[in-house]
């Protein structure tokens, strides 16, 4: 069996090598000619998977080691009888930790408390659920909105969009859809923003085109929005410099790029490939993971609670380093994603508490840090 895997798929050779012969191909060289003789194709979101890539070839299984499917023509794959698997939820925790770091940096720099403030979470799937939990750990009041999920499950607790718009923070975690009653393309446009609470902070770590960037920047200039926190942009990978420079925190679509999330994506696709072949998995991806760079930290009680949280999070993930690298040259968007340094999640750093208040301990454990 021949398996072609993009070179940005973590542990592709080690894992898929248990199923057949693996050819690792640079992302930009994943072409119709290069994959024509393959039985399986394993990619991430950088590669478009559609008729132009696969027509006339022998690929019968496509694995995408990311949560989204915007880059895949699922209808065409179904018509061709090509099985596919994604990795829904693989990097949900990574995104929630990115948001935690961003909110703490913003609040500490501007001198206000997150505790007691409201945040509207639009899209409450794998990512939105994790985001909501982290925000509650920070003491924030969470308002959730997800009309399709509400209709599908009938669950209580969802609130209308008008209530979300009156929150102090609004964060977007929807898929990108262009048709139907729940279409999200340019969901946040000039009309939508006109109803937002003056001075709200807009966060987008979902899909760039969910927001009309020009309307967003107009709302910032007018004071309707007080700040932007951005990880995704319209027109990726050709990112306009204006939203990056205008944002208080701007990163190059790496919110979900923790090493743990990438490895989990590979593991999920590998398990799906094994099911497709009727085989048992022969390797555990977790056994391949390196030791975390910060296996343990000591937390003391010096400083206000929120500042202690920020310092602790920064020891594991300094989001402002990502911001500085990107802000310096937005044309490096793709290179920064491709060469992103290893970032481990909070779960890999055990905490020892020396004189820390119970409030600090409870918050850090709720954010996902284990006690050492």
Protein backbone atom coordinates (compact mmCIF):
# COMPACT_ATOMS: atom_id res chain seq x y z
CA UNK A 1 0.00 0.00 0.00
CA UNK A 2 1.30 3.43 -0.97
CA UNK A 3 0.56 6.35 1.34
CA UNK A 4 1.36 9.96 0.45
CA UNK A 5 1.56 12.31 3.43
CA UNK A 6 2.18 16.04 3.54
CA UNK A 7 5.34 17.02 5.37
CA UNK A 8 3.38 19.09 7.91
CA UNK A 9 1.61 16.02 9.33
CA UNK A 10 3.23 15.27 12.68
CA UNK A 11 4.72 11.76 12.98
CA UNK A 12 3.30 10.75 9.59
CA UNK A 13 6.17 8.43 8.68
CA UNK A 14 6.35 6.73 12.06
CA UNK A 15 2.60 6.19 12.36
CA UNK A 16 1.42 5.45 8.83
CA UNK A 17 4.53 3.41 8.16
CA UNK A 18 2.77 0.65 10.12
CA UNK A 19 0.21 0.46 7.31
CA UNK A 20 2.35 0.65 4.18
CA UNK A 21 5.02 2.53 2.29
CA UNK A 22 4.94 6.23 3.19
CA UNK A 23 6.14 9.02 0.90
CA UNK A 24 6.52 12.36 2.67
CA UNK A 25 5.85 15.20 0.25
CA UNK A 26 6.30 18.96 0.83
CA UNK A 27 2.94 20.67 1.16
CA UNK A 28 3.39 22.72 -2.01
CA UNK A 29 4.23 19.59 -4.00
CA UNK A 30 1.00 17.75 -3.21
CA UNK A 31 -0.22 17.68 -6.84
CA UNK A 32 -2.42 15.41 -8.92
CA UNK A 33 0.65 13.85 -10.53
CA UNK A 34 2.35 13.28 -7.17
CA UNK A 35 -0.62 11.49 -5.58
CA UNK A 36 -2.00 9.68 -8.64
CA UNK A 37 -0.57 6.29 -7.68
CA UNK A 38 -1.31 6.48 -3.96
CA UNK A 39 -3.89 4.44 -2.08
CA UNK A 40 -4.09 6.89 0.82
CA UNK A 41 -3.52 10.63 1.15
CA UNK A 42 -2.84 12.27 4.51
CA UNK A 43 -2.85 16.09 4.75
CA UNK A 44 -3.65 19.08 6.92
CA UNK A 45 -5.74 22.13 6.01
CA UNK A 46 -3.09 23.69 3.77
CA UNK A 47 -3.91 21.31 0.91
CA UNK A 48 -7.13 21.51 -1.08
CA UNK A 49 -8.59 18.02 -1.61
CA UNK A 50 -11.00 17.91 -4.54
CA UNK A 51 -11.57 16.67 -8.07
CA UNK A 52 -8.61 18.62 -9.43
CA UNK A 53 -6.28 16.76 -7.07
CA UNK A 54 -7.72 13.25 -7.09
CA UNK A 55 -9.68 12.65 -10.32
CA UNK A 56 -8.32 9.67 -12.24
CA UNK A 57 -6.07 8.58 -9.39
CA UNK A 58 -6.18 5.56 -7.11
CA UNK A 59 -6.67 7.24 -3.73
CA UNK A 60 -9.45 5.50 -1.78
CA UNK A 61 -8.93 7.08 1.63
CA UNK A 62 -8.15 10.70 2.59
CA UNK A 63 -7.16 11.66 6.10
CA UNK A 64 -7.09 15.27 7.23
CA UNK A 65 -5.35 15.73 10.57
CA UNK A 66 -7.20 18.94 11.50
CA UNK A 67 -10.64 19.80 12.86
CA UNK A 68 -12.06 21.66 9.84
CA UNK A 69 -13.18 20.40 6.44
CA UNK A 70 -13.26 23.70 4.51
CA UNK A 71 -10.36 22.49 2.37
CA UNK A 72 -12.11 19.27 1.29
CA UNK A 73 -14.83 18.79 -1.32
CA UNK A 74 -16.77 16.27 0.72
CA UNK A 75 -19.63 16.00 -1.76
CA UNK A 76 -17.24 15.05 -4.56
CA UNK A 77 -15.41 12.54 -2.36
CA UNK A 78 -18.72 10.89 -1.48
CA UNK A 79 -19.77 10.65 -5.13
CA UNK A 80 -16.47 8.97 -5.94
CA UNK A 81 -16.75 6.52 -3.07
CA UNK A 82 -13.57 7.88 -1.49
CA UNK A 83 -13.60 7.48 2.28
CA UNK A 84 -12.36 10.37 4.35
CA UNK A 85 -11.63 11.10 7.98
CA UNK A 86 -10.97 14.30 9.85
CA UNK A 87 -9.80 14.98 13.38
CA UNK A 88 -12.68 16.88 14.96
CA UNK A 89 -11.70 18.22 18.35
CA UNK A 90 -8.01 17.34 18.08
CA UNK A 91 -6.82 20.89 18.76
CA UNK A 92 -9.81 22.25 20.67
CA UNK A 93 -7.84 22.44 23.90
CA UNK A 94 -4.99 24.20 22.12
CA UNK A 95 -7.32 26.95 20.89
CA UNK A 96 -8.82 27.37 24.35
CA UNK A 97 -5.33 27.77 25.84
CA UNK A 98 -4.44 30.33 23.16
CA UNK A 99 -7.54 32.31 24.11
CA UNK A 100 -6.69 32.04 27.82
CA UNK A 101 -3.22 33.45 27.17
CA UNK A 102 -4.60 36.25 24.99
CA UNK A 103 -7.26 37.34 27.48
CA UNK A 104 -4.82 37.36 30.39
CA UNK A 105 -2.27 39.42 28.46
CA UNK A 106 -4.87 41.92 27.33
CA UNK A 107 -6.47 42.34 30.75
CA UNK A 108 -3.19 42.63 32.66
CA UNK A 109 -1.77 45.15 30.19
CA UNK A 110 -4.92 47.29 30.28
CA UNK A 111 -5.39 46.99 34.04
CA UNK A 112 -8.82 45.40 34.40
CA UNK A 113 -10.14 42.15 35.85
CA UNK A 114 -11.56 39.40 33.67
CA UNK A 115 -13.47 37.98 36.62
CA UNK A 116 -17.05 39.22 36.51
CA UNK A 117 -16.89 40.28 32.86
CA UNK A 118 -19.07 38.66 30.22
CA UNK A 119 -17.96 36.78 27.12
CA UNK A 120 -20.21 35.63 24.30
CA UNK A 121 -19.13 32.35 22.69
CA UNK A 122 -20.54 31.94 19.19
CA UNK A 123 -20.22 28.30 18.10
CA UNK A 124 -20.21 25.79 20.93
CA UNK A 125 -18.73 22.69 19.34
CA UNK A 126 -15.50 21.02 20.42
CA UNK A 127 -13.58 24.31 20.51
CA UNK A 128 -16.32 26.55 21.85
CA UNK A 129 -17.06 24.15 24.69
CA UNK A 130 -13.41 24.18 25.79
CA UNK A 131 -13.25 27.95 25.43
CA UNK A 132 -16.34 28.38 27.61
CA UNK A 133 -14.82 26.17 30.31
CA UNK A 134 -11.56 28.15 30.34
CA UNK A 135 -13.43 31.44 30.55
CA UNK A 136 -15.44 30.20 33.51
CA UNK A 137 -12.15 29.20 35.16
CA UNK A 138 -11.10 32.85 34.76
CA UNK A 139 -14.26 33.92 36.57
CA UNK A 140 -16.04 35.23 33.49
CA UNK A 141 -19.76 35.00 32.81
CA UNK A 142 -20.24 32.93 29.64
CA UNK A 143 -23.11 33.48 27.20
CA UNK A 144 -23.36 30.72 24.58
CA UNK A 145 -24.92 30.94 21.12
CA UNK A 146 -25.19 28.09 18.58
CA UNK A 147 -28.52 27.97 16.70
CA UNK A 148 -27.87 24.77 14.70
CA UNK A 149 -26.65 22.91 17.78
CA UNK A 150 -29.60 24.19 19.79
CA UNK A 151 -32.06 22.94 17.15
CA UNK A 152 -30.29 19.60 16.88
CA UNK A 153 -30.03 18.86 20.60
CA UNK A 154 -32.82 20.88 22.13
CA UNK A 155 -30.49 21.69 25.00
CA UNK A 156 -31.28 24.64 27.24
CA UNK A 157 -28.73 27.27 28.05
CA UNK A 158 -28.19 28.81 24.63
CA UNK A 159 -28.93 32.50 24.30
CA UNK A 160 -30.02 34.68 21.36
CA UNK A 161 -27.39 36.54 19.38
CA UNK A 162 -28.71 39.89 20.62
CA UNK A 163 -27.65 38.92 24.14
CA UNK A 164 -24.21 37.82 22.94
CA UNK A 165 -23.72 41.21 21.30
CA UNK A 166 -24.10 42.91 24.68
CA UNK A 167 -21.16 41.01 26.20
CA UNK A 168 -17.83 42.63 27.05
CA UNK A 169 -16.02 40.09 24.86
CA UNK A 170 -17.25 38.16 21.81
CA UNK A 171 -15.35 35.15 20.52
CA UNK A 172 -16.07 33.28 17.28
CA UNK A 173 -15.72 29.50 16.88
CA UNK A 174 -18.03 28.62 14.00
CA UNK A 175 -17.28 26.65 10.85
CA UNK A 176 -17.21 28.56 7.56
CA UNK A 177 -20.40 27.98 5.57
CA UNK A 178 -21.73 29.99 2.66
CA UNK A 179 -25.32 28.76 2.29
CA UNK A 180 -28.36 27.98 4.40
CA UNK A 181 -29.99 29.69 7.35
CA UNK A 182 -26.83 29.32 9.42
CA UNK A 183 -24.37 30.59 6.80
CA UNK A 184 -21.37 32.13 8.53
CA UNK A 185 -19.52 33.83 5.67
CA UNK A 186 -19.34 37.52 6.70
CA UNK A 187 -21.64 36.78 9.61
CA UNK A 188 -19.97 39.66 11.40
CA UNK A 189 -20.52 42.54 9.01
CA UNK A 190 -21.26 46.25 9.39
CA UNK A 191 -24.92 45.70 10.25
CA UNK A 192 -24.05 43.00 12.79
CA UNK A 193 -21.39 45.14 14.44
CA UNK A 194 -23.75 48.11 14.71
CA UNK A 195 -25.64 46.17 17.39
CA UNK A 196 -22.61 45.31 19.50
CA UNK A 197 -22.14 46.83 22.93
CA UNK A 198 -19.87 49.89 22.58
CA UNK A 199 -16.35 49.05 23.67
CA UNK A 200 -16.62 45.29 23.20
CA UNK A 201 -13.55 43.18 22.40
CA UNK A 202 -13.83 40.94 19.33
CA UNK A 203 -11.86 37.68 19.21
CA UNK A 204 -11.60 35.50 16.10
CA UNK A 205 -9.75 32.19 16.21
CA UNK A 206 -12.26 30.36 14.04
CA UNK A 207 -12.37 31.18 10.33
CA UNK A 208 -11.20 34.46 8.83
CA UNK A 209 -14.05 35.05 6.36
CA UNK A 210 -16.65 34.80 9.13
CA UNK A 211 -15.73 38.45 9.73
CA UNK A 212 -15.87 41.26 7.17
CA UNK A 213 -12.45 42.75 7.93
CA UNK A 214 -13.21 46.19 6.55
CA UNK A 215 -16.37 46.47 8.67
CA UNK A 216 -14.40 45.20 11.67
CA UNK A 217 -11.72 47.86 11.23
CA UNK A 218 -14.37 50.56 10.77
CA UNK A 219 -15.99 49.44 14.04
CA UNK A 220 -12.63 49.65 15.78
CA UNK A 221 -11.95 53.14 14.45
CA UNK A 222 -15.39 54.35 15.53
CA UNK A 223 -15.00 52.97 19.05
CA UNK A 224 -17.79 50.42 18.66
CA UNK A 225 -15.06 47.84 19.28
CA UNK A 226 -12.33 48.65 21.78
CA UNK A 227 -9.88 45.90 20.81
CA UNK A 228 -9.26 42.99 18.43
CA UNK A 229 -7.65 39.64 19.19
CA UNK A 230 -7.04 37.77 15.94
CA UNK A 231 -5.61 34.46 14.78
CA UNK A 232 -7.41 34.13 11.43
CA UNK A 233 -7.85 36.48 8.47
CA UNK A 234 -9.64 36.91 5.19
CA UNK A 235 -7.60 35.94 2.17
CA UNK A 236 -5.18 33.59 3.94
CA UNK A 237 -2.35 33.02 3.25
CA UNK A 238 -2.20 36.52 1.74
CA UNK A 239 -2.92 38.45 4.91
CA UNK A 240 -3.49 42.19 4.78
CA UNK A 241 -1.28 44.11 7.25
CA UNK A 242 -4.09 46.42 8.45
CA UNK A 243 -5.96 43.99 10.75
CA UNK A 244 -2.70 42.63 12.15
CA UNK A 245 -1.41 46.08 13.04
CA UNK A 246 -4.78 47.14 14.43
CA UNK A 247 -5.16 44.08 16.70
CA UNK A 248 -3.95 44.11 20.30
CA UNK A 249 -2.96 40.46 19.88
CA UNK A 250 -2.38 38.98 16.40
CA UNK A 251 -1.03 35.52 15.60
CA UNK A 252 -0.68 33.64 12.28
CA UNK A 253 -3.45 31.02 12.49
CA UNK A 254 -1.59 28.99 15.11
CA UNK A 255 -4.15 28.95 17.95
CA UNK A 256 -4.63 25.24 17.39
CA UNK A 257 -0.96 24.49 16.70
CA UNK A 258 0.06 22.97 20.00
CA UNK A 259 2.26 19.92 19.50
CA UNK A 260 -0.27 17.91 21.50
CA UNK A 261 -3.07 18.95 19.15
CA UNK A 262 -1.08 18.09 16.04
CA UNK A 263 -0.16 14.67 17.40
CA UNK A 264 -3.76 14.03 18.40
CA UNK A 265 -4.87 14.88 14.85
CA UNK A 266 -2.46 12.33 13.43
CA UNK A 267 -3.63 9.72 15.93
CA UNK A 268 -7.30 10.25 15.08
CA UNK A 269 -6.70 9.94 11.34
CA UNK A 270 -4.47 6.88 11.86
CA UNK A 271 -7.18 5.14 13.88
CA UNK A 272 -9.72 5.92 11.14
CA UNK A 273 -7.34 4.53 8.50
CA UNK A 274 -6.96 1.34 10.55
CA UNK A 275 -10.74 0.97 10.70
CA UNK A 276 -10.95 1.51 6.95
CA UNK A 277 -8.44 -1.29 6.42
CA UNK A 278 -9.94 -3.54 9.09
CA UNK A 279 -6.71 -3.53 11.09
CA UNK A 280 -5.83 -2.89 14.72
CA UNK A 281 -3.62 0.15 15.46
CA UNK A 282 0.00 -0.94 15.83
CA UNK A 283 1.39 2.20 17.47
CA UNK A 284 0.38 4.69 20.16
CA UNK A 285 1.26 8.22 19.11
CA UNK A 286 1.58 9.28 22.74
CA UNK A 287 4.62 7.02 23.06
CA UNK A 288 6.40 9.17 20.46
CA UNK A 289 5.89 12.47 22.27
CA UNK A 290 9.00 14.20 23.65
CA UNK A 291 9.30 15.32 27.26
CA UNK A 292 7.73 18.76 27.82
CA UNK A 293 10.14 21.69 28.05
CA UNK A 294 8.51 22.83 31.31
CA UNK A 295 7.56 19.66 33.21
CA UNK A 296 7.05 21.44 36.53
CA UNK A 297 6.52 24.91 37.97
CA UNK A 298 6.29 26.37 41.47
CA UNK A 299 3.51 28.89 41.99
CA UNK A 300 3.72 31.28 44.94
CA UNK A 301 1.26 33.83 46.23
CA UNK A 302 3.07 36.97 45.15
CA UNK A 303 0.83 39.37 43.23
CA UNK A 304 -2.85 39.68 42.38
CA UNK A 305 -4.64 36.51 41.33
CA UNK A 306 -4.95 37.46 37.67
CA UNK A 307 -1.28 38.42 37.43
CA UNK A 308 -0.25 35.08 38.98
CA UNK A 309 -2.37 33.30 36.39
CA UNK A 310 -0.78 35.31 33.58
CA UNK A 311 2.76 34.61 34.80
CA UNK A 312 2.06 30.91 35.11
CA UNK A 313 0.50 30.64 31.65
CA UNK A 314 3.33 32.67 30.12
CA UNK A 315 5.91 30.22 31.49
CA UNK A 316 4.30 27.52 29.34
CA UNK A 317 3.04 29.60 26.41
CA UNK A 318 4.07 33.20 25.76
CA UNK A 319 1.54 34.30 23.16
CA UNK A 320 3.27 37.64 22.74
CA UNK A 321 6.26 35.90 21.16
CA UNK A 322 3.92 34.64 18.44
CA UNK A 323 2.48 38.14 18.12
CA UNK A 324 5.92 39.75 17.76
CA UNK A 325 7.13 37.32 15.10
CA UNK A 326 4.00 37.84 13.02
CA UNK A 327 3.58 41.57 13.52
CA UNK A 328 7.13 42.11 12.33
CA UNK A 329 6.37 40.77 8.84
CA UNK A 330 2.89 39.54 7.88
CA UNK A 331 4.24 38.21 4.57
CA UNK A 332 5.79 35.40 6.64
CA UNK A 333 2.33 34.03 7.50
CA UNK A 334 2.83 30.65 5.81
CA UNK A 335 6.44 30.28 6.93
CA UNK A 336 5.52 30.99 10.54
CA UNK A 337 2.85 28.32 10.45
CA UNK A 338 5.11 25.82 8.70
CA UNK A 339 8.02 26.39 11.08
CA UNK A 340 6.02 26.85 14.26
CA UNK A 341 8.02 25.94 17.38
CA UNK A 342 6.96 23.12 19.67
CA UNK A 343 4.29 24.33 22.07
CA UNK A 344 3.02 21.98 24.75
CA UNK A 345 -0.33 22.25 26.50
CA UNK A 346 -0.93 23.09 30.16
CA UNK A 347 -1.62 19.44 30.97
CA UNK A 348 2.11 18.67 30.61
CA UNK A 349 3.25 21.04 33.36
CA UNK A 350 2.70 19.99 36.96
CA UNK A 351 2.30 22.77 39.51
CA UNK A 352 3.61 22.99 43.04
CA UNK A 353 1.91 25.59 45.20
CA UNK A 354 3.87 27.53 47.83
CA UNK A 355 1.84 30.13 49.65
CA UNK A 356 -0.60 30.51 46.75
CA UNK A 357 -4.16 31.42 47.60
CA UNK A 358 -6.86 28.77 47.25
CA UNK A 359 -8.37 30.94 44.52
CA UNK A 360 -5.17 30.76 42.49
CA UNK A 361 -4.86 27.01 42.92
CA UNK A 362 -8.49 26.40 41.94
CA UNK A 363 -8.23 28.62 38.85
CA UNK A 364 -5.02 27.03 37.55
CA UNK A 365 -6.30 23.51 38.05
CA UNK A 366 -9.53 24.47 36.28
CA UNK A 367 -7.45 25.86 33.39
CA UNK A 368 -5.95 22.39 32.90
CA UNK A 369 -2.71 22.42 34.88
CA UNK A 370 -2.24 19.30 37.02
CA UNK A 371 -0.92 19.41 40.57
CA UNK A 372 2.65 18.06 40.77
